Amino acid sequence: MLNYNYICKSTPSMLAEGTISLWLHLQLHRQKKKTESNEQYQASLKNIGVKPQSGTGANIVLVGPPGSGKGTQSNRLSEHYKICQLSTGDLLRQAAQDKSSDEGKRIRQTMEAGGLVDDHIVMSLIDKNLTKPECSNGFLFDGFPRTINQGEQLERLLESKQKRLDAVLEYAIPDELLKRRILGRLIHKQSGRTYHEEFNPPKESMKDDVTGETLERRSDDTTETLNARLNTYHKQTTPLIDFYRKRNLHKSIDASQKVNDVYQQSLEIVDDFRKQPSYKPLSVDEEQGSVRQMETSVERNDFDETLTIKTKPINNQIEVDTSSLSKNFLFVYNSVTAVLRDRGII
């Protein structure tokens, strides 16, 4: 006699082949009931005038070279998820204006001398801003962190606040296209109107369409300056991308696409990553072929939209040799995943 509760709580590998179809039927039934229950609850919220919280809240990092469109996507994503935008450049400029604090004085002196502000000061500013009400739903960093050291410090800061990153989006674009985008920019200084020699040319070469006055190029839009910025970007970003890829947080997007296409892909990736666990490497045993990681997952309560962050240490194989697995297990695993995939569950 089959025990219903045992089958429901079992995994496919624990069951005999004859009960796999029953297990699948029960799992699909439970998934359907859960979906129906949530839909009924969402409908009840609308009936009493409460708007369900959908899509709000995310912790995002945007990475990309100058001219890749980070600024445009940053505005749209922060508005969609109702989260704050944090630019370290803006934070430093605001702090430098505070003439009453020693921190503001140090930042001002460093910036005036053309130096780089110490990472500890930057993290202190970020820490203060994460506690502000506008950041209660989450945050978006545009161009930060730029180095592994900054990434590690941000990781420790978020852990201390029981938070985690949801996604690191890299807006990738060929250097040659970037150069065409940036070096072709033109501006009418008096009005702020912008043009582009190739993508948005004025009616008359180098003349403003409205006033007929001469257009100018930005002072830092030169081949030498751009090459230096791109070289610095690639040197810093390559190891940083690997840092976040190991944590199951990174995804690259082709930024040469249309703005709306980039935006839609960004939403899909963030929403997908929010459902997945992230990993923090703790140690690697090359001889055993295993890596010890800290797994961080976010559980969302569909009824009250509360989030619970859970962490646990796990051991994963660096490379799994499927030949070492039993044929019976592979048969069960492949059968179950094939059915669940066909039903759209995974």
C-alpha atoms as a PDB file:
ATOM      1  CA  MET A   1       0.000   0.000   0.000  1.00  0.00           C
ATOM      2  CA  LEU A   2       1.397   3.379  -1.025  1.00  0.00           C
ATOM      3  CA  ASN A   3       1.763   6.085   1.601  1.00  0.00           C
ATOM      4  CA  TYR A   4       0.494   9.432   0.169  1.00  0.00           C
ATOM      5  CA  ASN A   5       2.488  11.618   2.579  1.00  0.00           C
ATOM      6  CA  TYR A   6       5.692   9.660   1.934  1.00  0.00           C
ATOM      7  CA  ILE A   7       5.368  10.059  -1.831  1.00  0.00           C
ATOM      8  CA  CYS A   8       4.629  13.813  -1.559  1.00  0.00           C
ATOM      9  CA  LYS A   9       7.706  14.451   0.578  1.00  0.00           C
ATOM     10  CA  SER A  10      10.013  12.197  -1.399  1.00  0.00           C
ATOM     11  CA  THR A  11      12.459  13.096  -4.148  1.00  0.00           C
ATOM     12  CA  PRO A  12      12.423  11.124  -7.427  1.00  0.00           C
ATOM     13  CA  SER A  13      15.611   9.240  -6.532  1.00  0.00           C
ATOM     14  CA  MET A  14      13.931   7.855  -3.377  1.00  0.00           C
ATOM     15  CA  LEU A  15      11.055   6.234  -5.289  1.00  0.00           C
ATOM     16  CA  ALA A  16      10.729   3.021  -7.204  1.00  0.00           C
ATOM     17  CA  GLU A  17      10.251   3.378 -10.954  1.00  0.00           C
ATOM     18  CA  GLY A  18       6.626   2.266 -10.676  1.00  0.00           C
ATOM     19  CA  THR A  19       5.673   5.253  -8.504  1.00  0.00           C
ATOM     20  CA  ILE A  20       7.357   7.979 -10.584  1.00  0.00           C
ATOM     21  CA  SER A  21       4.207   8.794 -12.572  1.00  0.00           C
ATOM     22  CA  LEU A  22       2.168   9.043  -9.364  1.00  0.00           C
ATOM     23  CA  TRP A  23       4.834  11.304  -7.828  1.00  0.00           C
ATOM     24  CA  LEU A  24       4.709  13.578 -10.886  1.00  0.00           C
ATOM     25  CA  HIS A  25       0.907  13.707 -10.759  1.00  0.00           C
ATOM     26  CA  LEU A  26       0.942  14.688  -7.069  1.00  0.00           C
ATOM     27  CA  GLN A  27       3.617  17.356  -7.583  1.00  0.00           C
ATOM     28  CA  LEU A  28       1.702  18.917 -10.490  1.00  0.00           C
ATOM     29  CA  HIS A  29      -1.508  18.857  -8.413  1.00  0.00           C
ATOM     30  CA  ARG A  30       0.218  20.619  -5.480  1.00  0.00           C
ATOM     31  CA  GLN A  31       1.712  23.241  -7.831  1.00  0.00           C
ATOM     32  CA  LYS A  32      -1.717  23.907  -9.334  1.00  0.00           C
ATOM     33  CA  LYS A  33      -3.366  24.281  -5.900  1.00  0.00           C
ATOM     34  CA  LYS A  34      -0.612  26.676  -4.764  1.00  0.00           C
ATOM     35  CA  THR A  35      -1.083  28.812  -7.885  1.00  0.00           C
ATOM     36  CA  GLU A  36      -4.864  28.889  -7.474  1.00  0.00           C
ATOM     37  CA  SER A  37      -4.523  29.856  -3.800  1.00  0.00           C
ATOM     38  CA  ASN A  38      -2.189  32.735  -4.619  1.00  0.00           C
ATOM     39  CA  GLU A  39      -4.467  33.961  -7.432  1.00  0.00           C
ATOM     40  CA  GLN A  40      -7.446  33.954  -5.063  1.00  0.00           C
ATOM     41  CA  TYR A  41      -5.478  35.948  -2.503  1.00  0.00           C
ATOM     42  CA  GLN A  42      -4.343  38.512  -5.087  1.00  0.00           C
ATOM     43  CA  ALA A  43      -7.968  38.870  -6.260  1.00  0.00           C
ATOM     44  CA  SER A  44      -9.123  39.429  -2.662  1.00  0.00           C
ATOM     45  CA  LEU A  45      -6.570  42.223  -2.295  1.00  0.00           C
ATOM     46  CA  LYS A  46      -8.039  44.007  -5.328  1.00  0.00           C
ATOM     47  CA  ASN A  47     -11.576  43.622  -3.915  1.00  0.00           C
ATOM     48  CA  ILE A  48     -10.641  45.469  -0.714  1.00  0.00           C
ATOM     49  CA  GLY A  49      -8.688  48.162  -2.537  1.00  0.00           C
ATOM     50  CA  VAL A  50      -5.169  46.945  -1.749  1.00  0.00           C
ATOM     51  CA  LYS A  51      -2.752  46.913  -4.672  1.00  0.00           C
ATOM     52  CA  PRO A  52      -0.633  43.737  -4.706  1.00  0.00           C
ATOM     53  CA  GLN A  53       3.100  44.367  -4.456  1.00  0.00           C
ATOM     54  CA  SER A  54       4.530  42.915  -7.668  1.00  0.00           C
ATOM     55  CA  GLY A  55       7.940  43.591  -9.124  1.00  0.00           C
ATOM     56  CA  THR A  56       9.107  45.929  -6.352  1.00  0.00           C
ATOM     57  CA  GLY A  57      12.442  45.519  -4.644  1.00  0.00           C
ATOM     58  CA  ALA A  58      15.797  44.430  -6.060  1.00  0.00           C
ATOM     59  CA  ASN A  59      19.513  44.914  -5.414  1.00  0.00           C
ATOM     60  CA  ILE A  60      21.311  45.455  -8.717  1.00  0.00           C
ATOM     61  CA  VAL A  61      24.776  46.355  -9.989  1.00  0.00           C
ATOM     62  CA  LEU A  62      25.229  47.672 -13.538  1.00  0.00           C
ATOM     63  CA  VAL A  63      28.582  47.219 -15.249  1.00  0.00           C
ATOM     64  CA  GLY A  64      29.563  48.626 -18.620  1.00  0.00           C
ATOM     65  CA  PRO A  65      32.014  50.912 -20.416  1.00  0.00           C
ATOM     66  CA  PRO A  66      31.307  54.628 -20.932  1.00  0.00           C
ATOM     67  CA  GLY A  67      28.650  55.068 -23.612  1.00  0.00           C
ATOM     68  CA  SER A  68      27.088  51.609 -23.146  1.00  0.00           C
ATOM     69  CA  GLY A  69      23.752  53.026 -21.960  1.00  0.00           C
ATOM     70  CA  LYS A  70      24.042  52.328 -18.214  1.00  0.00           C
ATOM     71  CA  GLY A  71      22.551  55.704 -17.315  1.00  0.00           C
ATOM     72  CA  THR A  72      19.402  55.157 -19.385  1.00  0.00           C
ATOM     73  CA  GLN A  73      18.845  51.630 -18.067  1.00  0.00           C
ATOM     74  CA  SER A  74      19.628  52.722 -14.508  1.00  0.00           C
ATOM     75  CA  ASN A  75      16.778  55.254 -14.554  1.00  0.00           C
ATOM     76  CA  ARG A  76      14.266  52.794 -15.988  1.00  0.00           C
ATOM     77  CA  LEU A  77      15.183  49.886 -13.711  1.00  0.00           C
ATOM     78  CA  SER A  78      15.159  51.979 -10.530  1.00  0.00           C
ATOM     79  CA  GLU A  79      11.718  53.323 -11.465  1.00  0.00           C
ATOM     80  CA  HIS A  80      10.372  49.841 -12.241  1.00  0.00           C
ATOM     81  CA  TYR A  81      11.595  48.224  -9.011  1.00  0.00           C
ATOM     82  CA  LYS A  82      11.050  51.377  -6.908  1.00  0.00           C
ATOM     83  CA  ILE A  83      14.632  51.356  -5.650  1.00  0.00           C
ATOM     84  CA  CYS A  84      17.237  54.055  -5.092  1.00  0.00           C
ATOM     85  CA  GLN A  85      20.080  54.840  -7.498  1.00  0.00           C
ATOM     86  CA  LEU A  86      23.485  55.122  -5.888  1.00  0.00           C
ATOM     87  CA  SER A  87      26.298  56.730  -7.876  1.00  0.00           C
ATOM     88  CA  THR A  88      29.578  56.880  -5.974  1.00  0.00           C
ATOM     89  CA  GLY A  89      30.525  59.996  -7.943  1.00  0.00           C
ATOM     90  CA  ASP A  90      27.385  61.811  -6.750  1.00  0.00           C
ATOM     91  CA  LEU A  91      27.874  60.567  -3.180  1.00  0.00           C
ATOM     92  CA  LEU A  92      31.456  61.871  -3.111  1.00  0.00           C
ATOM     93  CA  ARG A  93      30.503  65.256  -4.587  1.00  0.00           C
ATOM     94  CA  GLN A  94      27.716  65.666  -2.012  1.00  0.00           C
ATOM     95  CA  ALA A  95      30.022  64.667   0.849  1.00  0.00           C
ATOM     96  CA  ALA A  96      32.729  67.079  -0.365  1.00  0.00           C
ATOM     97  CA  GLN A  97      30.291  69.971   0.029  1.00  0.00           C
ATOM     98  CA  ASP A  98      29.979  69.260   3.761  1.00  0.00           C
ATOM     99  CA  LYS A  99      32.569  71.645   5.206  1.00  0.00           C
ATOM    100  CA  SER A 100      31.686  70.816   8.806  1.00  0.00           C
ATOM    101  CA  SER A 101      32.965  67.205   8.841  1.00  0.00           C
ATOM    102  CA  ASP A 102      36.489  65.798   8.719  1.00  0.00           C
ATOM    103  CA  GLU A 103      35.319  63.197   6.203  1.00  0.00           C
ATOM    104  CA  GLY A 104      34.024  65.886   3.853  1.00  0.00           C
ATOM    105  CA  LYS A 105      37.308  67.779   4.186  1.00  0.00           C
ATOM    106  CA  ARG A 106      39.400  64.683   3.323  1.00  0.00           C
ATOM    107  CA  ILE A 107      37.222  63.886   0.322  1.00  0.00           C
ATOM    108  CA  ARG A 108      37.393  67.481  -0.928  1.00  0.00           C
ATOM    109  CA  GLN A 109      41.181  67.623  -0.628  1.00  0.00           C
ATOM    110  CA  THR A 110      41.617  64.289  -2.416  1.00  0.00           C
ATOM    111  CA  MET A 111      39.292  65.222  -5.284  1.00  0.00           C
ATOM    112  CA  GLU A 112      40.888  68.648  -5.734  1.00  0.00           C
ATOM    113  CA  ALA A 113      44.303  66.970  -5.951  1.00  0.00           C
ATOM    114  CA  GLY A 114      42.958  64.585  -8.625  1.00  0.00           C
ATOM    115  CA  GLY A 115      43.458  61.486  -6.447  1.00  0.00           C
ATOM    116  CA  LEU A 116      41.260  58.468  -5.765  1.00  0.00           C
ATOM    117  CA  VAL A 117      39.193  58.505  -2.580  1.00  0.00           C
ATOM    118  CA  ASP A 118      39.965  55.581  -0.233  1.00  0.00           C
ATOM    119  CA  ASP A 119      37.593  52.609  -0.571  1.00  0.00           C
ATOM    120  CA  HIS A 120      36.812  52.687   3.170  1.00  0.00           C
ATOM    121  CA  ILE A 121      35.447  56.227   2.844  1.00  0.00           C
ATOM    122  CA  VAL A 122      33.370  55.219  -0.187  1.00  0.00           C
ATOM    123  CA  MET A 123      31.927  52.234   1.691  1.00  0.00           C
ATOM    124  CA  SER A 124      31.134  54.471   4.663  1.00  0.00           C
ATOM    125  CA  LEU A 125      29.083  56.748   2.403  1.00  0.00           C
ATOM    126  CA  ILE A 126      27.300  53.765   0.858  1.00  0.00           C
ATOM    127  CA  ASP A 127      26.531  52.346   4.315  1.00  0.00           C
ATOM    128  CA  LYS A 128      24.902  55.627   5.383  1.00  0.00           C
ATOM    129  CA  ASN A 129      22.809  55.872   2.213  1.00  0.00           C
ATOM    130  CA  LEU A 130      21.533  52.284   2.327  1.00  0.00           C
ATOM    131  CA  THR A 131      19.676  53.136   5.552  1.00  0.00           C
ATOM    132  CA  LYS A 132      17.711  55.988   3.936  1.00  0.00           C
ATOM    133  CA  PRO A 133      13.953  55.464   3.351  1.00  0.00           C
ATOM    134  CA  GLU A 134      14.283  55.703  -0.442  1.00  0.00           C
ATOM    135  CA  CYS A 135      16.551  52.637  -0.338  1.00  0.00           C
ATOM    136  CA  SER A 136      14.159  50.509   1.743  1.00  0.00           C
ATOM    137  CA  ASN A 137      13.071  48.485  -1.325  1.00  0.00           C
ATOM    138  CA  GLY A 138      16.609  48.003  -2.591  1.00  0.00           C
ATOM    139  CA  PHE A 139      19.303  49.788  -4.542  1.00  0.00           C
ATOM    140  CA  LEU A 140      20.991  50.072  -7.913  1.00  0.00           C
ATOM    141  CA  PHE A 141      24.702  50.804  -8.359  1.00  0.00           C
ATOM    142  CA  ASP A 142      25.762  52.338 -11.661  1.00  0.00           C
ATOM    143  CA  GLY A 143      29.469  51.651 -12.235  1.00  0.00           C
ATOM    144  CA  PHE A 144      30.255  50.395  -8.730  1.00  0.00           C
ATOM    145  CA  PRO A 145      32.045  48.279  -7.656  1.00  0.00           C
ATOM    146  CA  ARG A 146      34.917  48.617 -10.113  1.00  0.00           C
ATOM    147  CA  THR A 147      37.477  46.353  -8.444  1.00  0.00           C
ATOM    148  CA  ILE A 148      37.433  43.013  -6.635  1.00  0.00           C
ATOM    149  CA  ASN A 149      38.422  44.755  -3.403  1.00  0.00           C
ATOM    150  CA  GLN A 150      35.337  46.987  -3.662  1.00  0.00           C
ATOM    151  CA  GLY A 151      33.214  43.944  -4.526  1.00  0.00           C
ATOM    152  CA  GLU A 152      34.427  42.100  -1.432  1.00  0.00           C
ATOM    153  CA  GLN A 153      33.803  45.107   0.815  1.00  0.00           C
ATOM    154  CA  LEU A 154      30.294  45.549  -0.595  1.00  0.00           C
ATOM    155  CA  GLU A 155      29.631  41.844  -0.048  1.00  0.00           C
ATOM    156  CA  ARG A 156      30.673  42.099   3.617  1.00  0.00           C
ATOM    157  CA  LEU A 157      28.578  45.237   4.112  1.00  0.00           C
ATOM    158  CA  LEU A 158      25.457  43.572   2.695  1.00  0.00           C
ATOM    159  CA  GLU A 159      26.036  40.444   4.790  1.00  0.00           C
ATOM    160  CA  SER A 160      26.179  42.603   7.910  1.00  0.00           C
ATOM    161  CA  LYS A 161      22.760  43.989   6.974  1.00  0.00           C
ATOM    162  CA  GLN A 162      21.386  40.542   6.042  1.00  0.00           C
ATOM    163  CA  LYS A 163      21.038  41.604   2.430  1.00  0.00           C
ATOM    164  CA  ARG A 164      22.409  40.227  -0.820  1.00  0.00           C
ATOM    165  CA  LEU A 165      22.908  41.259  -4.436  1.00  0.00           C
ATOM    166  CA  ASP A 166      20.279  39.935  -6.828  1.00  0.00           C
ATOM    167  CA  ALA A 167      21.970  40.547 -10.175  1.00  0.00           C
ATOM    168  CA  VAL A 168      25.045  42.048 -11.812  1.00  0.00           C
ATOM    169  CA  LEU A 169      24.184  43.136 -15.360  1.00  0.00           C
ATOM    170  CA  GLU A 170      27.044  43.718 -17.767  1.00  0.00           C
ATOM    171  CA  TYR A 171      26.175  45.895 -20.773  1.00  0.00           C
ATOM    172  CA  ALA A 172      28.678  44.609 -23.319  1.00  0.00           C
ATOM    173  CA  ILE A 173      29.405  46.486 -26.536  1.00  0.00           C
ATOM    174  CA  PRO A 174      32.329  46.383 -28.991  1.00  0.00           C
ATOM    175  CA  ASP A 175      34.941  49.101 -28.452  1.00  0.00           C
ATOM    176  CA  GLU A 176      34.739  50.247 -32.078  1.00  0.00           C
ATOM    177  CA  LEU A 177      30.981  50.885 -31.840  1.00  0.00           C
ATOM    178  CA  LEU A 178      31.525  52.748 -28.558  1.00  0.00           C
ATOM    179  CA  LYS A 179      34.079  54.985 -30.224  1.00  0.00           C
ATOM    180  CA  ARG A 180      31.639  55.779 -33.030  1.00  0.00           C
ATOM    181  CA  ARG A 181      28.944  56.605 -30.464  1.00  0.00           C
ATOM    182  CA  ILE A 182      31.084  58.825 -28.262  1.00  0.00           C
ATOM    183  CA  LEU A 183      33.424  60.545 -30.709  1.00  0.00           C
ATOM    184  CA  GLY A 184      30.507  61.565 -32.906  1.00  0.00           C
ATOM    185  CA  ARG A 185      28.612  63.419 -30.152  1.00  0.00           C
ATOM    186  CA  LEU A 186      27.839  67.104 -30.704  1.00  0.00           C
ATOM    187  CA  ILE A 187      26.282  69.617 -28.302  1.00  0.00           C
ATOM    188  CA  HIS A 188      24.699  73.067 -28.474  1.00  0.00           C
ATOM    189  CA  LYS A 189      26.140  74.516 -25.299  1.00  0.00           C
ATOM    190  CA  GLN A 190      23.597  77.306 -24.764  1.00  0.00           C
ATOM    191  CA  SER A 191      20.489  75.082 -24.925  1.00  0.00           C
ATOM    192  CA  GLY A 192      21.922  71.659 -24.091  1.00  0.00           C
ATOM    193  CA  ARG A 193      20.541  70.137 -27.308  1.00  0.00           C
ATOM    194  CA  THR A 194      22.554  67.121 -28.428  1.00  0.00           C
ATOM    195  CA  TYR A 195      23.259  65.648 -31.849  1.00  0.00           C
ATOM    196  CA  HIS A 196      25.397  62.929 -33.366  1.00  0.00           C
ATOM    197  CA  GLU A 197      27.324  63.053 -36.612  1.00  0.00           C
ATOM    198  CA  GLU A 198      26.155  59.555 -37.629  1.00  0.00           C
ATOM    199  CA  PHE A 199      23.100  58.578 -35.579  1.00  0.00           C
ATOM    200  CA  ASN A 200      21.347  61.962 -35.129  1.00  0.00           C
ATOM    201  CA  PRO A 201      22.968  64.536 -37.437  1.00  0.00           C
ATOM    202  CA  PRO A 202      21.921  68.219 -37.509  1.00  0.00           C
ATOM    203  CA  LYS A 203      20.208  69.504 -40.666  1.00  0.00           C
ATOM    204  CA  GLU A 204      23.309  71.523 -41.483  1.00  0.00           C
ATOM    205  CA  SER A 205      26.755  70.194 -40.608  1.00  0.00           C
ATOM    206  CA  MET A 206      27.991  71.497 -37.208  1.00  0.00           C
ATOM    207  CA  LYS A 207      25.007  73.907 -36.898  1.00  0.00           C
ATOM    208  CA  ASP A 208      22.204  73.881 -34.303  1.00  0.00           C
ATOM    209  CA  ASP A 209      18.829  73.200 -35.964  1.00  0.00           C
ATOM    210  CA  VAL A 210      17.051  75.971 -34.003  1.00  0.00           C
ATOM    211  CA  THR A 211      19.533  78.842 -33.746  1.00  0.00           C
ATOM    212  CA  GLY A 212      22.039  78.005 -36.456  1.00  0.00           C
ATOM    213  CA  GLU A 213      24.824  78.506 -33.931  1.00  0.00           C
ATOM    214  CA  THR A 214      27.984  76.388 -34.050  1.00  0.00           C
ATOM    215  CA  LEU A 215      27.913  73.004 -32.330  1.00  0.00           C
ATOM    216  CA  GLU A 216      30.764  71.806 -30.125  1.00  0.00           C
ATOM    217  CA  ARG A 217      32.290  68.557 -28.941  1.00  0.00           C
ATOM    218  CA  ARG A 218      32.734  67.730 -25.285  1.00  0.00           C
ATOM    219  CA  SER A 219      36.247  68.462 -24.096  1.00  0.00           C
ATOM    220  CA  ASP A 220      36.888  64.857 -23.026  1.00  0.00           C
ATOM    221  CA  ASP A 221      35.440  63.286 -26.204  1.00  0.00           C
ATOM    222  CA  THR A 222      38.834  62.594 -27.752  1.00  0.00           C
ATOM    223  CA  THR A 223      40.386  59.400 -29.083  1.00  0.00           C
ATOM    224  CA  GLU A 224      43.231  59.530 -26.546  1.00  0.00           C
ATOM    225  CA  THR A 225      40.936  60.054 -23.543  1.00  0.00           C
ATOM    226  CA  LEU A 226      38.476  57.384 -24.664  1.00  0.00           C
ATOM    227  CA  ASN A 227      41.197  54.796 -25.320  1.00  0.00           C
ATOM    228  CA  ALA A 228      42.621  55.394 -21.844  1.00  0.00           C
ATOM    229  CA  ARG A 229      39.173  55.041 -20.221  1.00  0.00           C
ATOM    230  CA  LEU A 230      38.432  51.824 -22.136  1.00  0.00           C
ATOM    231  CA  ASN A 231      41.811  50.299 -21.256  1.00  0.00           C
ATOM    232  CA  THR A 232      41.224  51.071 -17.570  1.00  0.00           C
ATOM    233  CA  TYR A 233      37.685  49.687 -17.761  1.00  0.00           C
ATOM    234  CA  HIS A 234      38.716  46.361 -19.307  1.00  0.00           C
ATOM    235  CA  LYS A 235      41.654  45.938 -16.925  1.00  0.00           C
ATOM    236  CA  GLN A 236      39.439  46.434 -13.872  1.00  0.00           C
ATOM    237  CA  THR A 237      36.269  44.746 -15.107  1.00  0.00           C
ATOM    238  CA  THR A 238      37.561  41.406 -16.429  1.00  0.00           C
ATOM    239  CA  PRO A 239      38.499  40.025 -12.960  1.00  0.00           C
ATOM    240  CA  LEU A 240      35.373  41.622 -11.422  1.00  0.00           C
ATOM    241  CA  ILE A 241      33.111  39.800 -13.890  1.00  0.00           C
ATOM    242  CA  ASP A 242      34.735  36.493 -12.916  1.00  0.00           C
ATOM    243  CA  PHE A 243      34.238  37.415  -9.248  1.00  0.00           C
ATOM    244  CA  TYR A 244      30.465  37.761  -9.744  1.00  0.00           C
ATOM    245  CA  ARG A 245      30.150  34.863 -12.183  1.00  0.00           C
ATOM    246  CA  LYS A 246      31.377  32.497  -9.448  1.00  0.00           C
ATOM    247  CA  ARG A 247      28.584  33.823  -7.245  1.00  0.00           C
ATOM    248  CA  ASN A 248      25.849  33.079  -9.796  1.00  0.00           C
ATOM    249  CA  LEU A 249      25.054  36.788 -10.130  1.00  0.00           C
ATOM    250  CA  HIS A 250      26.487  37.895 -13.491  1.00  0.00           C
ATOM    251  CA  LYS A 251      24.807  38.071 -16.881  1.00  0.00           C
ATOM    252  CA  SER A 252      26.018  39.830 -20.029  1.00  0.00           C
ATOM    253  CA  ILE A 253      23.606  41.733 -22.294  1.00  0.00           C
ATOM    254  CA  ASP A 254      24.323  42.937 -25.828  1.00  0.00           C
ATOM    255  CA  ALA A 255      24.090  46.713 -25.358  1.00  0.00           C
ATOM    256  CA  SER A 256      24.208  47.405 -29.099  1.00  0.00           C
ATOM    257  CA  GLN A 257      20.531  46.409 -29.321  1.00  0.00           C
ATOM    258  CA  LYS A 258      17.615  48.838 -29.138  1.00  0.00           C
ATOM    259  CA  VAL A 259      17.136  50.510 -25.745  1.00  0.00           C
ATOM    260  CA  ASN A 260      13.779  48.787 -25.138  1.00  0.00           C
ATOM    261  CA  ASP A 261      15.199  45.367 -25.983  1.00  0.00           C
ATOM    262  CA  VAL A 262      18.062  45.864 -23.531  1.00  0.00           C
ATOM    263  CA  TYR A 263      15.571  47.006 -20.893  1.00  0.00           C
ATOM    264  CA  GLN A 264      13.261  43.991 -21.336  1.00  0.00           C
ATOM    265  CA  GLN A 265      16.191  41.575 -21.144  1.00  0.00           C
ATOM    266  CA  SER A 266      17.409  43.340 -18.004  1.00  0.00           C
ATOM    267  CA  LEU A 267      14.015  42.858 -16.319  1.00  0.00           C
ATOM    268  CA  GLU A 268      13.871  39.177 -17.273  1.00  0.00           C
ATOM    269  CA  ILE A 269      17.375  38.494 -15.971  1.00  0.00           C
ATOM    270  CA  VAL A 270      16.852  40.323 -12.666  1.00  0.00           C
ATOM    271  CA  ASP A 271      13.521  38.582 -12.042  1.00  0.00           C
ATOM    272  CA  ASP A 272      15.090  35.207 -12.845  1.00  0.00           C
ATOM    273  CA  PHE A 273      18.136  35.779 -10.616  1.00  0.00           C
ATOM    274  CA  ARG A 274      15.942  36.883  -7.692  1.00  0.00           C
ATOM    275  CA  LYS A 275      14.539  33.328  -7.596  1.00  0.00           C
ATOM    276  CA  GLN A 276      17.953  31.666  -7.622  1.00  0.00           C
ATOM    277  CA  PRO A 277      20.503  31.201  -4.817  1.00  0.00           C
ATOM    278  CA  SER A 278      23.837  33.009  -4.953  1.00  0.00           C
ATOM    279  CA  TYR A 279      27.139  31.450  -3.876  1.00  0.00           C
ATOM    280  CA  LYS A 280      30.181  32.733  -2.036  1.00  0.00           C
ATOM    281  CA  PRO A 281      33.297  30.558  -2.511  1.00  0.00           C
ATOM    282  CA  LEU A 282      34.863  29.647   0.830  1.00  0.00           C
ATOM    283  CA  SER A 283      37.582  27.172  -0.133  1.00  0.00           C
ATOM    284  CA  VAL A 284      38.623  24.954  -3.043  1.00  0.00           C
ATOM    285  CA  ASP A 285      40.075  21.442  -2.730  1.00  0.00           C
ATOM    286  CA  GLU A 286      41.717  20.685  -6.082  1.00  0.00           C
ATOM    287  CA  GLU A 287      42.673  17.123  -5.068  1.00  0.00           C
ATOM    288  CA  GLN A 288      39.122  16.215  -4.078  1.00  0.00           C
ATOM    289  CA  GLY A 289      37.680  18.224  -6.978  1.00  0.00           C
ATOM    290  CA  SER A 290      35.269  20.051  -4.676  1.00  0.00           C
ATOM    291  CA  VAL A 291      34.527  23.631  -3.696  1.00  0.00           C
ATOM    292  CA  ARG A 292      33.019  24.697  -0.377  1.00  0.00           C
ATOM    293  CA  GLN A 293      30.516  27.519  -0.830  1.00  0.00           C
ATOM    294  CA  MET A 294      28.093  29.618   1.166  1.00  0.00           C
ATOM    295  CA  GLU A 295      24.673  29.430  -0.487  1.00  0.00           C
ATOM    296  CA  THR A 296      22.348  32.430  -0.047  1.00  0.00           C
ATOM    297  CA  SER A 297      18.723  32.131  -1.098  1.00  0.00           C
ATOM    298  CA  VAL A 298      15.737  34.455  -0.828  1.00  0.00           C
ATOM    299  CA  GLU A 299      12.341  33.038   0.030  1.00  0.00           C
ATOM    300  CA  ARG A 300       9.359  35.233  -0.853  1.00  0.00           C
ATOM    301  CA  ASN A 301       6.038  34.874   0.944  1.00  0.00           C
ATOM    302  CA  ASP A 302       3.476  35.286  -1.860  1.00  0.00           C
ATOM    303  CA  PHE A 303       0.761  36.346   0.560  1.00  0.00           C
ATOM    304  CA  ASP A 304       2.384  39.285   2.363  1.00  0.00           C
ATOM    305  CA  GLU A 305       5.401  39.871   0.046  1.00  0.00           C
ATOM    306  CA  THR A 306       7.899  39.485   2.899  1.00  0.00           C
ATOM    307  CA  LEU A 307      11.395  38.230   2.096  1.00  0.00           C
ATOM    308  CA  THR A 308      13.472  35.806   4.140  1.00  0.00           C
ATOM    309  CA  ILE A 309      17.184  35.462   3.383  1.00  0.00           C
ATOM    310  CA  LYS A 310      18.743  32.117   4.304  1.00  0.00           C
ATOM    311  CA  THR A 311      22.380  31.036   4.131  1.00  0.00           C
ATOM    312  CA  LYS A 312      23.984  27.634   4.502  1.00  0.00           C
ATOM    313  CA  PRO A 313      27.419  26.100   3.745  1.00  0.00           C
ATOM    314  CA  ILE A 314      27.453  23.458   1.001  1.00  0.00           C
ATOM    315  CA  ASN A 315      29.991  21.317  -0.816  1.00  0.00           C
ATOM    316  CA  ASN A 316      29.812  21.193  -4.613  1.00  0.00           C
ATOM    317  CA  GLN A 317      31.836  19.242  -7.118  1.00  0.00           C
ATOM    318  CA  ILE A 318      33.975  21.400  -9.387  1.00  0.00           C
ATOM    319  CA  GLU A 319      33.212  19.027 -12.266  1.00  0.00           C
ATOM    320  CA  VAL A 320      30.642  16.262 -11.934  1.00  0.00           C
ATOM    321  CA  ASP A 321      31.438  13.026 -13.815  1.00  0.00           C
ATOM    322  CA  THR A 322      28.051  11.596 -14.783  1.00  0.00           C
ATOM    323  CA  SER A 323      29.625   8.198 -15.470  1.00  0.00           C
ATOM    324  CA  SER A 324      30.015   7.778 -11.705  1.00  0.00           C
ATOM    325  CA  LEU A 325      26.270   8.079 -11.153  1.00  0.00           C
ATOM    326  CA  SER A 326      24.106   4.980 -11.132  1.00  0.00           C
ATOM    327  CA  LYS A 327      22.152   4.234 -14.309  1.00  0.00           C
ATOM    328  CA  ASN A 328      18.974   3.935 -12.256  1.00  0.00           C
ATOM    329  CA  PHE A 329      19.387   7.426 -10.791  1.00  0.00           C
ATOM    330  CA  LEU A 330      20.092   8.927 -14.224  1.00  0.00           C
ATOM    331  CA  PHE A 331      16.998   7.212 -15.629  1.00  0.00           C
ATOM    332  CA  VAL A 332      14.801   8.616 -12.842  1.00  0.00           C
ATOM    333  CA  TYR A 333      16.368  12.077 -13.001  1.00  0.00           C
ATOM    334  CA  ASN A 334      16.085  12.383 -16.791  1.00  0.00           C
ATOM    335  CA  SER A 335      12.499  11.094 -16.797  1.00  0.00           C
ATOM    336  CA  VAL A 336      11.335  13.528 -14.122  1.00  0.00           C
ATOM    337  CA  THR A 337      13.096  16.607 -15.496  1.00  0.00           C
ATOM    338  CA  ALA A 338      11.819  15.881 -19.019  1.00  0.00           C
ATOM    339  CA  VAL A 339       8.192  15.803 -17.831  1.00  0.00           C
ATOM    340  CA  LEU A 340       8.565  18.906 -15.626  1.00  0.00           C
ATOM    341  CA  ARG A 341      10.221  20.787 -18.468  1.00  0.00           C
ATOM    342  CA  ASP A 342       7.414  19.836 -20.879  1.00  0.00           C
ATOM    343  CA  ARG A 343       4.855  21.115 -18.360  1.00  0.00           C
ATOM    344  CA  GLY A 344       6.702  24.434 -18.053  1.00  0.00           C
ATOM    345  CA  ILE A 345       7.505  23.981 -14.366  1.00  0.00           C
ATOM    346  CA  ILE A 346      11.282  24.143 -14.797  1.00  0.00           C
END
